[in-house]
Each structure stands twice: as structure tokens, then as C-alpha cells.
């Protein structure tokens, strides 16, 4: 595991449709759009490459409730893919920071609730010791980070579907900047896993 005492990387991970949407228009919590693709080898290997060097998970409240309601149940589940089980163990055991203005205390272990602007929290985490800070599929959290130029590594899984509406991950007005492609993989059903590093 890579330990960095200064300049921990902020790594974002998000799935996108071909028309650039990060959620369905009628129900942002509906994950049926990603399920056929999330269980492919390329998607599982992609996620593994992201969590292995990470020591902190940064989540929004909605995603925390979804992730931490589901993933712990995968541990010891009969027939579970070993990569899914290892991710579940990591998520349960790693330090988690959940951004929320409504939660008073964390119902999950190793979790801290923070009610501050996303970029401020990311900057505070970067100033501490540890591995990568992994932002897991929380669109509201991820959208705030490129706006503040706080993303060091951006991972995208592109699924070959049009959602025809719904929120976009990238809004107009982001600061201009260059990105370098560091890995790419194509998987079953046309899934594309991409990882870019910010060129500073």
C-alpha cells in the first residue's frame, strides 16, 4: 500500500452513461442502470485498483447509506465474487468521512460525520498522513471537487447506454486543465474503464 505523508491523492470514481449522465432522471438512487456492467471483470478489477491504495473513503450521506447498507452483507455471502468481498471488507474496515448536514452521529463503525464544504474537507484530508482518499460514486461530492481543482486522479466507468436525461457529472464553468490517461480497459457488454491523472 502506498503511503504518502504530503499530498495524498484525491481519487474520484464515477460511472457515466454514453450521454454523460451519472444518474437516471426519475430516480437518482436507482442503480439498475449500472448493475449489468458493475458485475463484469473489467468493472471489478477497476474498483480493486482504486481501493487497494486508499486508506480513506469520502462519501455523501445518500451514497453512504446505500453503500454501507449493502456492502457489509457481501462479506461471507455464498457465491460472492472474491473481489466484491475484499472491497466490502475494505469499506467496513477503512476510515470513512461522510458529508452530511442532517446526520448527527454515524451509525457505521470507523465513520466521521462532517458538515463542511466538500473542497474544505478534501483539503483537510490531504494535509493528513495516509494513502489515497477515494470518493465513491457520490455525484454531489464529486461535482464539487473538480470545481475547486481538488481531483488528482479521476476514474470513470462508461456504460454503453443513453439515459436520455438526469444529472450530468460535469457542469459548465469548471477550471480549464489537462488530464493524462494512465489506464484503460474494455470489458464485457462494451464497458469502458478509464483512469486519468490531473496534469499540474
N, C-alpha and C. Protein backbone atom coordinates (compact mmCIF):
# COMPACT_ATOMS: atom_id res chain seq x y z
N UNK A 1 0.84 -1.18 0.00
CA UNK A 1 0.00 0.00 0.00
C UNK A 1 0.89 1.25 0.00
N UNK A 2 0.54 2.20 -0.82
CA UNK A 2 1.32 3.42 -0.94
C UNK A 2 0.97 4.38 0.19
N UNK A 3 1.96 4.79 0.94
CA UNK A 3 1.73 5.79 1.98
C UNK A 3 2.34 7.12 1.52
N UNK A 4 1.56 8.18 1.64
CA UNK A 4 2.05 9.49 1.25
C UNK A 4 1.82 10.44 2.42
N UNK A 5 2.89 11.07 2.89
CA UNK A 5 2.74 11.94 4.04
C UNK A 5 2.28 13.33 3.63
N UNK A 6 2.61 13.77 2.45
CA UNK A 6 2.15 15.06 1.97
C UNK A 6 1.54 14.85 0.59
N UNK A 7 0.49 15.58 0.33
CA UNK A 7 -0.11 15.47 -0.99
C UNK A 7 -0.81 14.15 -1.25
N UNK A 8 -1.57 13.66 -0.28
CA UNK A 8 -2.39 12.49 -0.55
C UNK A 8 -3.25 12.77 -1.78
N UNK A 9 -3.47 11.74 -2.57
CA UNK A 9 -4.28 11.92 -3.77
C UNK A 9 -5.77 11.85 -3.45
N UNK A 10 -6.52 12.76 -4.04
CA UNK A 10 -7.98 12.65 -4.04
C UNK A 10 -8.36 11.93 -5.33
N UNK A 11 -8.98 10.76 -5.18
CA UNK A 11 -9.33 9.92 -6.32
C UNK A 11 -10.85 9.80 -6.38
N UNK A 12 -11.42 10.19 -7.50
CA UNK A 12 -12.88 10.09 -7.65
C UNK A 12 -13.22 8.92 -8.56
N UNK A 13 -14.32 8.25 -8.26
CA UNK A 13 -14.77 7.12 -9.06
C UNK A 13 -16.25 7.29 -9.36
N UNK A 14 -16.60 7.27 -10.65
CA UNK A 14 -17.99 7.50 -11.04
C UNK A 14 -18.31 6.72 -12.29
N UNK A 15 -19.55 6.29 -12.41
CA UNK A 15 -20.00 5.65 -13.65
C UNK A 15 -20.82 6.66 -14.44
N UNK A 16 -20.65 6.59 -15.76
CA UNK A 16 -21.34 7.51 -16.66
C UNK A 16 -21.99 6.75 -17.79
N UNK A 17 -23.12 7.27 -18.26
CA UNK A 17 -23.71 6.76 -19.49
C UNK A 17 -23.00 7.43 -20.67
N UNK A 18 -23.25 6.90 -21.87
CA UNK A 18 -22.62 7.49 -23.06
C UNK A 18 -23.06 8.93 -23.28
N UNK A 19 -24.27 9.29 -22.81
CA UNK A 19 -24.70 10.68 -22.97
C UNK A 19 -24.34 11.53 -21.76
N UNK A 20 -23.37 11.06 -20.97
CA UNK A 20 -22.77 11.89 -19.93
C UNK A 20 -23.56 12.03 -18.66
N UNK A 21 -24.51 11.14 -18.41
CA UNK A 21 -25.34 11.23 -17.21
C UNK A 21 -24.80 10.32 -16.11
N UNK A 22 -24.95 10.77 -14.88
CA UNK A 22 -24.47 9.97 -13.75
C UNK A 22 -25.60 9.38 -12.93
N UNK A 23 -26.84 9.63 -13.32
CA UNK A 23 -28.00 9.04 -12.64
C UNK A 23 -29.20 9.13 -13.55
N UNK A 24 -30.18 8.30 -13.28
CA UNK A 24 -31.41 8.33 -14.05
C UNK A 24 -32.22 9.58 -13.72
N UNK A 25 -33.00 10.08 -14.67
CA UNK A 25 -33.71 11.35 -14.43
C UNK A 25 -34.82 11.24 -13.37
N UNK A 26 -35.47 10.08 -13.27
CA UNK A 26 -36.63 9.98 -12.39
C UNK A 26 -36.28 9.49 -10.99
N UNK A 27 -35.17 8.75 -10.85
CA UNK A 27 -34.80 8.22 -9.54
C UNK A 27 -33.28 8.08 -9.46
N UNK A 28 -32.60 9.08 -8.91
CA UNK A 28 -31.13 9.04 -8.85
C UNK A 28 -30.58 7.85 -8.08
N UNK A 29 -31.39 7.25 -7.18
CA UNK A 29 -30.91 6.12 -6.38
C UNK A 29 -31.04 4.78 -7.11
N UNK A 30 -31.73 4.78 -8.24
CA UNK A 30 -31.96 3.54 -8.99
C UNK A 30 -30.66 3.12 -9.65
N UNK A 31 -30.10 2.00 -9.17
CA UNK A 31 -28.82 1.53 -9.68
C UNK A 31 -28.97 0.46 -10.77
N UNK A 32 -30.20 0.24 -11.24
CA UNK A 32 -30.41 -0.80 -12.25
C UNK A 32 -29.65 -0.48 -13.54
N UNK A 33 -29.37 0.79 -13.78
CA UNK A 33 -28.65 1.18 -15.00
C UNK A 33 -27.23 0.64 -15.01
N UNK A 34 -26.63 0.43 -13.84
CA UNK A 34 -25.24 0.00 -13.79
C UNK A 34 -25.06 -1.48 -13.50
N UNK A 35 -26.09 -2.12 -12.98
CA UNK A 35 -25.90 -3.49 -12.49
C UNK A 35 -25.39 -4.49 -13.53
N UNK A 36 -25.88 -4.48 -14.77
CA UNK A 36 -25.33 -5.45 -15.72
C UNK A 36 -23.83 -5.26 -15.97
N UNK A 37 -23.36 -4.03 -15.76
CA UNK A 37 -21.97 -3.71 -16.06
C UNK A 37 -21.07 -3.76 -14.82
N UNK A 38 -21.64 -3.49 -13.65
CA UNK A 38 -20.86 -3.44 -12.41
C UNK A 38 -20.33 -4.81 -12.01
N UNK A 39 -20.94 -5.87 -12.52
CA UNK A 39 -20.52 -7.23 -12.16
C UNK A 39 -19.60 -7.85 -13.22
N UNK A 40 -19.10 -7.03 -14.14
CA UNK A 40 -18.15 -7.53 -15.14
C UNK A 40 -16.74 -7.54 -14.54
N UNK A 41 -15.88 -8.34 -15.15
CA UNK A 41 -14.49 -8.40 -14.68
C UNK A 41 -13.82 -7.05 -14.75
N UNK A 42 -14.04 -6.32 -15.85
CA UNK A 42 -13.34 -5.04 -16.01
C UNK A 42 -13.78 -4.05 -14.92
N UNK A 43 -15.06 -4.05 -14.55
CA UNK A 43 -15.54 -3.13 -13.52
C UNK A 43 -15.01 -3.53 -12.14
N UNK A 44 -14.99 -4.83 -11.86
CA UNK A 44 -14.48 -5.29 -10.56
C UNK A 44 -12.99 -5.03 -10.43
N UNK A 45 -12.23 -5.29 -11.49
CA UNK A 45 -10.79 -5.05 -11.44
C UNK A 45 -10.49 -3.56 -11.34
N UNK A 46 -11.29 -2.75 -12.02
CA UNK A 46 -11.16 -1.29 -11.98
C UNK A 46 -11.32 -0.80 -10.53
N UNK A 47 -12.38 -1.24 -9.87
CA UNK A 47 -12.63 -0.82 -8.49
C UNK A 47 -11.52 -1.30 -7.56
N UNK A 48 -11.05 -2.52 -7.76
CA UNK A 48 -9.97 -3.05 -6.93
C UNK A 48 -8.72 -2.18 -7.03
N UNK A 49 -8.41 -1.75 -8.25
CA UNK A 49 -7.21 -0.91 -8.45
C UNK A 49 -7.33 0.43 -7.76
N UNK A 50 -8.56 0.85 -7.48
CA UNK A 50 -8.78 2.14 -6.82
C UNK A 50 -8.77 2.03 -5.30
N UNK A 51 -9.38 0.99 -4.75
CA UNK A 51 -9.45 0.93 -3.28
C UNK A 51 -8.18 0.39 -2.65
N UNK A 52 -7.40 -0.42 -3.36
CA UNK A 52 -6.21 -1.00 -2.74
C UNK A 52 -5.23 0.04 -2.20
N UNK A 53 -4.95 1.16 -2.93
CA UNK A 53 -4.03 2.16 -2.36
C UNK A 53 -4.71 3.20 -1.48
N UNK A 54 -6.01 3.04 -1.22
CA UNK A 54 -6.75 4.06 -0.47
C UNK A 54 -6.88 3.68 1.00
N UNK A 55 -6.83 4.69 1.87
CA UNK A 55 -7.00 4.46 3.30
C UNK A 55 -8.17 5.25 3.87
N UNK A 56 -8.83 6.05 3.03
CA UNK A 56 -9.99 6.83 3.46
C UNK A 56 -11.04 6.79 2.35
N UNK A 57 -12.30 6.61 2.75
CA UNK A 57 -13.41 6.72 1.82
C UNK A 57 -14.16 8.01 2.14
N UNK A 58 -14.44 8.80 1.12
CA UNK A 58 -15.19 10.05 1.28
C UNK A 58 -16.52 9.88 0.55
N UNK A 59 -17.62 10.05 1.28
CA UNK A 59 -18.94 9.76 0.74
C UNK A 59 -19.94 10.85 1.11
N UNK A 60 -20.94 11.03 0.26
CA UNK A 60 -22.10 11.81 0.64
C UNK A 60 -23.03 10.93 1.45
N UNK A 61 -24.00 11.55 2.14
CA UNK A 61 -24.88 10.78 3.02
C UNK A 61 -25.68 9.73 2.27
N UNK A 62 -26.27 10.10 1.12
CA UNK A 62 -27.12 9.15 0.39
C UNK A 62 -26.31 7.93 -0.05
N UNK A 63 -25.12 8.17 -0.58
CA UNK A 63 -24.30 7.04 -1.01
C UNK A 63 -23.80 6.23 0.18
N UNK A 64 -23.50 6.90 1.28
CA UNK A 64 -23.06 6.17 2.47
C UNK A 64 -24.16 5.22 2.93
N UNK A 65 -25.39 5.70 2.95
CA UNK A 65 -26.49 4.84 3.38
C UNK A 65 -26.65 3.65 2.44
N UNK A 66 -26.49 3.89 1.13
CA UNK A 66 -26.61 2.80 0.17
C UNK A 66 -25.46 1.83 0.25
N UNK A 67 -24.26 2.35 0.22
CA UNK A 67 -23.06 1.50 0.25
C UNK A 67 -22.97 0.71 1.55
N UNK A 68 -23.15 1.41 2.67
CA UNK A 68 -22.93 0.77 3.97
C UNK A 68 -24.14 -0.04 4.42
N UNK A 69 -25.25 0.10 3.69
CA UNK A 69 -26.37 -0.79 3.92
C UNK A 69 -26.22 -2.10 3.16
N UNK A 70 -25.53 -2.03 2.01
CA UNK A 70 -25.40 -3.23 1.17
C UNK A 70 -24.10 -3.99 1.33
N UNK A 71 -22.96 -3.29 1.23
CA UNK A 71 -21.69 -3.99 1.09
C UNK A 71 -21.33 -4.89 2.27
N UNK A 72 -21.61 -4.51 3.51
CA UNK A 72 -21.28 -5.43 4.61
C UNK A 72 -21.98 -6.79 4.48
N UNK A 73 -23.13 -6.83 3.80
CA UNK A 73 -23.84 -8.10 3.65
C UNK A 73 -23.15 -9.04 2.68
N UNK A 74 -22.21 -8.51 1.89
CA UNK A 74 -21.50 -9.33 0.90
C UNK A 74 -20.44 -10.20 1.58
N UNK A 75 -19.95 -9.74 2.74
CA UNK A 75 -18.90 -10.49 3.44
C UNK A 75 -19.46 -11.83 3.90
N UNK A 76 -18.86 -12.90 3.42
CA UNK A 76 -19.32 -14.24 3.78
C UNK A 76 -20.52 -14.72 2.99
N UNK A 77 -20.98 -13.92 2.02
CA UNK A 77 -22.14 -14.31 1.21
C UNK A 77 -21.77 -15.48 0.30
N UNK A 78 -22.60 -16.49 0.28
CA UNK A 78 -22.34 -17.65 -0.57
C UNK A 78 -22.34 -17.23 -2.03
N UNK A 79 -21.28 -17.64 -2.75
CA UNK A 79 -21.17 -17.35 -4.17
C UNK A 79 -20.67 -15.97 -4.51
N UNK A 80 -20.32 -15.16 -3.50
CA UNK A 80 -19.83 -13.80 -3.76
C UNK A 80 -18.50 -13.85 -4.49
N UNK A 81 -18.33 -12.95 -5.45
CA UNK A 81 -17.05 -12.83 -6.13
C UNK A 81 -16.01 -12.37 -5.09
N UNK A 82 -14.83 -13.01 -5.07
CA UNK A 82 -13.81 -12.61 -4.07
C UNK A 82 -13.45 -11.13 -4.13
N UNK A 83 -13.49 -10.53 -5.31
CA UNK A 83 -13.17 -9.10 -5.43
C UNK A 83 -14.23 -8.25 -4.75
N UNK A 84 -15.48 -8.66 -4.85
CA UNK A 84 -16.55 -7.94 -4.16
C UNK A 84 -16.40 -8.07 -2.65
N UNK A 85 -16.06 -9.27 -2.19
CA UNK A 85 -15.91 -9.49 -0.76
C UNK A 85 -14.73 -8.69 -0.20
N UNK A 86 -13.64 -8.63 -0.95
CA UNK A 86 -12.48 -7.87 -0.49
C UNK A 86 -12.79 -6.38 -0.43
N UNK A 87 -13.53 -5.87 -1.42
CA UNK A 87 -13.93 -4.47 -1.37
C UNK A 87 -14.83 -4.21 -0.16
N UNK A 88 -15.76 -5.12 0.09
CA UNK A 88 -16.66 -4.96 1.23
C UNK A 88 -15.88 -4.92 2.54
N UNK A 89 -14.89 -5.78 2.68
CA UNK A 89 -14.06 -5.79 3.90
C UNK A 89 -13.29 -4.48 4.02
N UNK A 90 -12.77 -4.00 2.90
CA UNK A 90 -12.04 -2.72 2.93
C UNK A 90 -12.98 -1.59 3.36
N UNK A 91 -14.18 -1.54 2.77
CA UNK A 91 -15.11 -0.46 3.07
C UNK A 91 -15.50 -0.45 4.54
N UNK A 92 -15.74 -1.63 5.10
CA UNK A 92 -16.10 -1.71 6.52
C UNK A 92 -14.93 -1.29 7.40
N UNK A 93 -13.72 -1.71 7.03
CA UNK A 93 -12.57 -1.51 7.89
C UNK A 93 -11.83 -0.21 7.72
N UNK A 94 -12.07 0.51 6.62
CA UNK A 94 -11.31 1.73 6.38
C UNK A 94 -11.94 2.92 7.09
N UNK A 95 -11.18 4.00 7.21
CA UNK A 95 -11.73 5.25 7.75
C UNK A 95 -12.68 5.86 6.72
N UNK A 96 -13.85 6.28 7.19
CA UNK A 96 -14.86 6.85 6.31
C UNK A 96 -15.22 8.25 6.81
N UNK A 97 -15.33 9.17 5.87
CA UNK A 97 -15.81 10.52 6.16
C UNK A 97 -17.08 10.71 5.34
N UNK A 98 -18.17 11.01 6.03
CA UNK A 98 -19.45 11.20 5.36
C UNK A 98 -19.87 12.66 5.49
N UNK A 99 -20.11 13.29 4.35
CA UNK A 99 -20.54 14.68 4.33
C UNK A 99 -22.06 14.73 4.50
N UNK A 100 -22.51 15.39 5.54
CA UNK A 100 -23.94 15.47 5.80
C UNK A 100 -24.26 16.65 6.70
N UNK A 101 -25.37 17.32 6.38
CA UNK A 101 -25.86 18.39 7.26
C UNK A 101 -27.02 17.90 8.10
N UNK A 102 -27.42 16.62 7.90
CA UNK A 102 -28.60 16.10 8.61
C UNK A 102 -28.27 15.00 9.61
N UNK A 103 -27.19 14.26 9.39
CA UNK A 103 -26.82 13.20 10.33
C UNK A 103 -26.10 13.80 11.54
N UNK A 104 -26.54 13.42 12.71
CA UNK A 104 -25.87 13.92 13.92
C UNK A 104 -24.69 13.06 14.31
N UNK A 105 -24.87 11.74 14.21
CA UNK A 105 -23.78 10.83 14.53
C UNK A 105 -23.80 9.68 13.56
N UNK A 106 -22.68 9.03 13.43
CA UNK A 106 -22.53 7.97 12.44
C UNK A 106 -23.10 6.65 12.94
N UNK A 107 -23.96 6.02 12.15
CA UNK A 107 -24.45 4.69 12.53
C UNK A 107 -23.50 3.58 12.09
N UNK A 108 -22.36 3.95 11.50
CA UNK A 108 -21.40 2.95 10.99
C UNK A 108 -20.08 3.09 11.73
N UNK A 109 -19.37 1.98 11.84
CA UNK A 109 -18.07 2.00 12.53
C UNK A 109 -17.03 2.71 11.67
N UNK A 110 -16.03 3.24 12.36
CA UNK A 110 -14.90 3.93 11.70
C UNK A 110 -15.37 5.04 10.77
N UNK A 111 -16.42 5.76 11.18
CA UNK A 111 -17.01 6.80 10.34
C UNK A 111 -17.12 8.11 11.10
N UNK A 112 -16.76 9.19 10.41
CA UNK A 112 -16.88 10.53 10.98
C UNK A 112 -17.84 11.33 10.11
N UNK A 113 -18.81 11.99 10.72
CA UNK A 113 -19.76 12.85 10.01
C UNK A 113 -19.21 14.26 10.01
N UNK A 114 -19.21 14.90 8.84
CA UNK A 114 -18.68 16.26 8.73
C UNK A 114 -19.68 17.12 7.97
N UNK A 115 -19.97 18.29 8.51
CA UNK A 115 -20.86 19.25 7.86
C UNK A 115 -20.04 20.48 7.47
N UNK A 116 -19.29 20.33 6.39
CA UNK A 116 -18.44 21.40 5.87
C UNK A 116 -18.45 21.31 4.35
N UNK A 117 -18.02 22.36 3.65
CA UNK A 117 -17.92 22.28 2.19
C UNK A 117 -16.97 21.16 1.76
N UNK A 118 -17.34 20.49 0.68
CA UNK A 118 -16.58 19.33 0.20
C UNK A 118 -15.10 19.64 -0.01
N UNK A 119 -14.81 20.73 -0.70
CA UNK A 119 -13.42 21.05 -1.01
C UNK A 119 -12.61 21.30 0.26
N UNK A 120 -13.23 21.89 1.26
CA UNK A 120 -12.54 22.14 2.53
C UNK A 120 -12.19 20.82 3.22
N UNK A 121 -13.12 19.89 3.21
CA UNK A 121 -12.88 18.58 3.82
C UNK A 121 -11.77 17.84 3.06
N UNK A 122 -11.82 17.89 1.73
CA UNK A 122 -10.78 17.23 0.93
C UNK A 122 -9.41 17.82 1.23
N UNK A 123 -9.32 19.15 1.35
CA UNK A 123 -8.05 19.79 1.64
C UNK A 123 -7.53 19.38 3.02
N UNK A 124 -8.43 19.28 4.00
CA UNK A 124 -8.02 18.84 5.34
C UNK A 124 -7.50 17.41 5.32
N UNK A 125 -8.18 16.54 4.58
CA UNK A 125 -7.74 15.15 4.50
C UNK A 125 -6.39 15.04 3.79
N UNK A 126 -6.19 15.84 2.74
CA UNK A 126 -4.92 15.81 2.00
C UNK A 126 -3.75 16.22 2.89
N UNK A 127 -4.03 17.02 3.90
CA UNK A 127 -2.97 17.51 4.78
C UNK A 127 -2.59 16.49 5.86
N UNK A 128 -3.32 15.37 5.93
CA UNK A 128 -3.01 14.34 6.90
C UNK A 128 -2.22 13.21 6.25
N UNK A 129 -1.74 12.28 7.08
CA UNK A 129 -0.98 11.15 6.55
C UNK A 129 -1.93 10.04 6.12
N UNK A 130 -1.48 9.26 5.13
CA UNK A 130 -2.27 8.12 4.69
C UNK A 130 -2.16 7.91 3.20
N UNK A 131 -2.94 6.97 2.73
CA UNK A 131 -2.98 6.66 1.30
C UNK A 131 -4.01 7.53 0.60
N UNK A 132 -4.52 7.02 -0.52
CA UNK A 132 -5.47 7.79 -1.31
C UNK A 132 -6.77 8.03 -0.55
N UNK A 133 -7.42 9.11 -0.92
CA UNK A 133 -8.76 9.45 -0.44
C UNK A 133 -9.70 9.13 -1.59
N UNK A 134 -10.49 8.08 -1.43
CA UNK A 134 -11.32 7.59 -2.52
C UNK A 134 -12.75 8.08 -2.36
N UNK A 135 -13.22 8.81 -3.36
CA UNK A 135 -14.59 9.31 -3.38
C UNK A 135 -15.42 8.36 -4.23
N UNK A 136 -16.33 7.65 -3.58
CA UNK A 136 -17.03 6.54 -4.21
C UNK A 136 -18.41 6.93 -4.73
N UNK A 137 -18.50 7.25 -6.00
CA UNK A 137 -19.77 7.37 -6.71
C UNK A 137 -20.76 8.36 -6.11
N UNK A 138 -20.30 9.27 -5.29
CA UNK A 138 -21.18 10.31 -4.73
C UNK A 138 -21.13 11.52 -5.65
N UNK A 139 -22.14 11.63 -6.54
CA UNK A 139 -22.10 12.68 -7.55
C UNK A 139 -22.02 14.08 -6.95
N UNK A 140 -22.78 14.32 -5.88
CA UNK A 140 -22.78 15.67 -5.29
C UNK A 140 -21.41 16.02 -4.73
N UNK A 141 -20.72 15.03 -4.18
CA UNK A 141 -19.38 15.26 -3.63
C UNK A 141 -18.39 15.43 -4.77
N UNK A 142 -18.47 14.55 -5.75
CA UNK A 142 -17.51 14.58 -6.87
C UNK A 142 -17.64 15.87 -7.66
N UNK A 143 -18.86 16.36 -7.88
CA UNK A 143 -19.05 17.57 -8.67
C UNK A 143 -18.34 18.77 -8.06
N UNK A 144 -18.26 18.81 -6.73
CA UNK A 144 -17.64 19.97 -6.06
C UNK A 144 -16.12 19.95 -6.16
N UNK A 145 -15.53 18.78 -6.37
CA UNK A 145 -14.07 18.67 -6.31
C UNK A 145 -13.36 19.19 -7.57
N UNK A 146 -13.79 18.84 -8.79
CA UNK A 146 -13.13 19.46 -9.95
C UNK A 146 -13.39 20.96 -10.03
N UNK A 147 -14.53 21.40 -9.50
CA UNK A 147 -14.82 22.83 -9.49
C UNK A 147 -13.77 23.58 -8.67
N UNK A 148 -13.22 22.92 -7.64
CA UNK A 148 -12.18 23.50 -6.80
C UNK A 148 -10.79 23.02 -7.20
N UNK A 149 -10.70 22.30 -8.32
CA UNK A 149 -9.44 21.71 -8.81
C UNK A 149 -8.76 20.86 -7.75
N UNK A 150 -9.56 20.02 -7.08
CA UNK A 150 -9.07 19.20 -5.98
C UNK A 150 -8.92 17.73 -6.36
N UNK A 151 -9.17 17.37 -7.62
CA UNK A 151 -9.09 15.97 -8.02
C UNK A 151 -7.70 15.68 -8.59
N UNK A 152 -7.04 14.66 -8.04
CA UNK A 152 -5.72 14.27 -8.53
C UNK A 152 -5.81 13.09 -9.52
N UNK A 153 -6.77 12.22 -9.28
CA UNK A 153 -6.99 11.07 -10.17
C UNK A 153 -8.50 10.89 -10.35
N UNK A 154 -8.90 10.77 -11.61
CA UNK A 154 -10.32 10.64 -11.92
C UNK A 154 -10.55 9.31 -12.63
N UNK A 155 -11.36 8.45 -12.02
CA UNK A 155 -11.68 7.15 -12.60
C UNK A 155 -13.12 7.18 -13.08
N UNK A 156 -13.31 6.74 -14.32
CA UNK A 156 -14.65 6.72 -14.91
C UNK A 156 -14.92 5.34 -15.48
N UNK A 157 -16.11 4.84 -15.25
CA UNK A 157 -16.57 3.64 -15.93
C UNK A 157 -17.72 4.06 -16.82
N UNK A 158 -17.53 3.90 -18.13
CA UNK A 158 -18.52 4.34 -19.10
C UNK A 158 -19.33 3.12 -19.55
N UNK A 159 -20.64 3.23 -19.39
CA UNK A 159 -21.54 2.15 -19.78
C UNK A 159 -22.24 2.52 -21.08
N UNK A 160 -22.37 1.58 -22.00
CA UNK A 160 -22.90 1.89 -23.34
C UNK A 160 -24.43 1.99 -23.37
N UNK A 161 -24.94 2.97 -22.63
CA UNK A 161 -26.38 3.24 -22.63
C UNK A 161 -26.59 4.74 -22.69
N UNK A 162 -27.71 5.16 -23.25
CA UNK A 162 -28.19 6.54 -23.15
C UNK A 162 -29.26 6.56 -22.09
N UNK A 163 -29.16 7.48 -21.13
CA UNK A 163 -30.21 7.63 -20.13
C UNK A 163 -31.24 8.66 -20.56
N UNK A 164 -30.87 9.53 -21.50
CA UNK A 164 -31.83 10.46 -22.07
C UNK A 164 -32.21 11.63 -21.18
N UNK A 165 -31.57 11.74 -20.04
CA UNK A 165 -31.85 12.81 -19.10
C UNK A 165 -31.22 12.46 -17.76
N UNK A 166 -31.39 13.35 -16.79
CA UNK A 166 -30.78 13.13 -15.49
C UNK A 166 -29.58 14.03 -15.30
N UNK A 167 -29.02 14.02 -14.11
CA UNK A 167 -27.90 14.92 -13.81
C UNK A 167 -26.63 14.55 -14.57
N UNK A 168 -25.89 15.57 -14.93
CA UNK A 168 -24.57 15.38 -15.54
C UNK A 168 -23.51 15.46 -14.45
N UNK A 169 -22.39 14.78 -14.66
CA UNK A 169 -21.32 14.84 -13.68
C UNK A 169 -20.57 16.16 -13.78
N UNK A 170 -20.36 16.62 -15.00
CA UNK A 170 -19.54 17.82 -15.22
C UNK A 170 -20.42 18.97 -15.69
N UNK A 171 -20.43 20.05 -14.91
CA UNK A 171 -21.18 21.24 -15.27
C UNK A 171 -20.28 22.23 -15.99
N UNK A 172 -20.89 23.18 -16.68
CA UNK A 172 -20.13 24.26 -17.30
C UNK A 172 -19.43 25.08 -16.23
N UNK A 173 -18.32 25.70 -16.62
CA UNK A 173 -17.62 26.61 -15.71
C UNK A 173 -16.52 25.97 -14.90
N UNK A 174 -16.19 24.70 -15.20
CA UNK A 174 -15.07 24.08 -14.48
C UNK A 174 -13.76 24.75 -14.89
N UNK A 175 -12.77 24.80 -13.99
CA UNK A 175 -11.48 25.38 -14.37
C UNK A 175 -10.83 24.55 -15.47
N UNK A 176 -10.23 25.24 -16.43
CA UNK A 176 -9.56 24.54 -17.52
C UNK A 176 -8.36 23.77 -16.97
N UNK A 177 -8.08 22.62 -17.56
CA UNK A 177 -6.93 21.82 -17.11
C UNK A 177 -6.74 20.61 -17.99
N UNK A 178 -5.53 20.04 -17.95
CA UNK A 178 -5.21 18.87 -18.76
C UNK A 178 -5.17 17.63 -17.88
N UNK A 179 -5.50 16.50 -18.50
CA UNK A 179 -5.52 15.21 -17.83
C UNK A 179 -4.74 14.21 -18.67
N UNK A 180 -4.02 13.31 -18.00
CA UNK A 180 -3.24 12.29 -18.69
C UNK A 180 -3.89 10.93 -18.45
N UNK A 181 -4.13 10.18 -19.53
CA UNK A 181 -4.70 8.85 -19.42
C UNK A 181 -3.65 7.90 -18.87
N UNK A 182 -3.93 7.24 -17.74
CA UNK A 182 -2.96 6.32 -17.14
C UNK A 182 -3.37 4.86 -17.27
N UNK A 183 -4.66 4.60 -17.50
CA UNK A 183 -5.06 3.22 -17.78
C UNK A 183 -6.41 3.21 -18.48
N UNK A 184 -6.59 2.16 -19.28
CA UNK A 184 -7.87 1.98 -19.97
C UNK A 184 -8.09 0.49 -20.15
N UNK A 185 -9.34 0.08 -20.02
CA UNK A 185 -9.68 -1.32 -20.21
C UNK A 185 -11.09 -1.41 -20.75
N UNK A 186 -11.29 -2.34 -21.68
CA UNK A 186 -12.61 -2.56 -22.25
C UNK A 186 -13.10 -3.93 -21.81
N UNK A 187 -14.35 -3.99 -21.39
CA UNK A 187 -14.87 -5.24 -20.87
C UNK A 187 -16.13 -5.71 -21.53
N UNK A 188 -16.74 -6.69 -20.89
CA UNK A 188 -17.96 -7.27 -21.39
C UNK A 188 -19.04 -6.19 -21.56
N UNK A 189 -19.90 -6.41 -22.53
CA UNK A 189 -21.02 -5.51 -22.82
C UNK A 189 -20.56 -4.12 -23.24
N UNK A 190 -19.29 -3.98 -23.63
CA UNK A 190 -18.81 -2.68 -24.07
C UNK A 190 -18.47 -1.72 -22.95
N UNK A 191 -18.32 -2.23 -21.73
CA UNK A 191 -17.93 -1.38 -20.60
C UNK A 191 -16.52 -0.85 -20.81
N UNK A 192 -16.31 0.42 -20.51
CA UNK A 192 -15.00 1.04 -20.66
C UNK A 192 -14.57 1.63 -19.33
N UNK A 193 -13.41 1.20 -18.82
CA UNK A 193 -12.87 1.73 -17.56
C UNK A 193 -11.68 2.61 -17.86
N UNK A 194 -11.73 3.84 -17.42
CA UNK A 194 -10.70 4.84 -17.72
C UNK A 194 -10.19 5.46 -16.43
N UNK A 195 -8.89 5.73 -16.38
CA UNK A 195 -8.30 6.43 -15.24
C UNK A 195 -7.42 7.55 -15.79
N UNK A 196 -7.67 8.76 -15.30
CA UNK A 196 -6.91 9.94 -15.71
C UNK A 196 -6.25 10.59 -14.49
N UNK A 197 -5.03 11.09 -14.67
CA UNK A 197 -4.36 11.87 -13.64
C UNK A 197 -4.33 13.33 -14.05
N UNK A 198 -4.55 14.20 -13.08
CA UNK A 198 -4.50 15.65 -13.34
C UNK A 198 -3.06 16.05 -13.62
N UNK A 199 -2.85 16.78 -14.69
CA UNK A 199 -1.52 17.31 -15.03
C UNK A 199 -1.43 18.71 -14.46
N UNK A 200 -0.50 18.87 -13.51
CA UNK A 200 -0.38 20.19 -12.85
C UNK A 200 0.95 20.84 -13.21
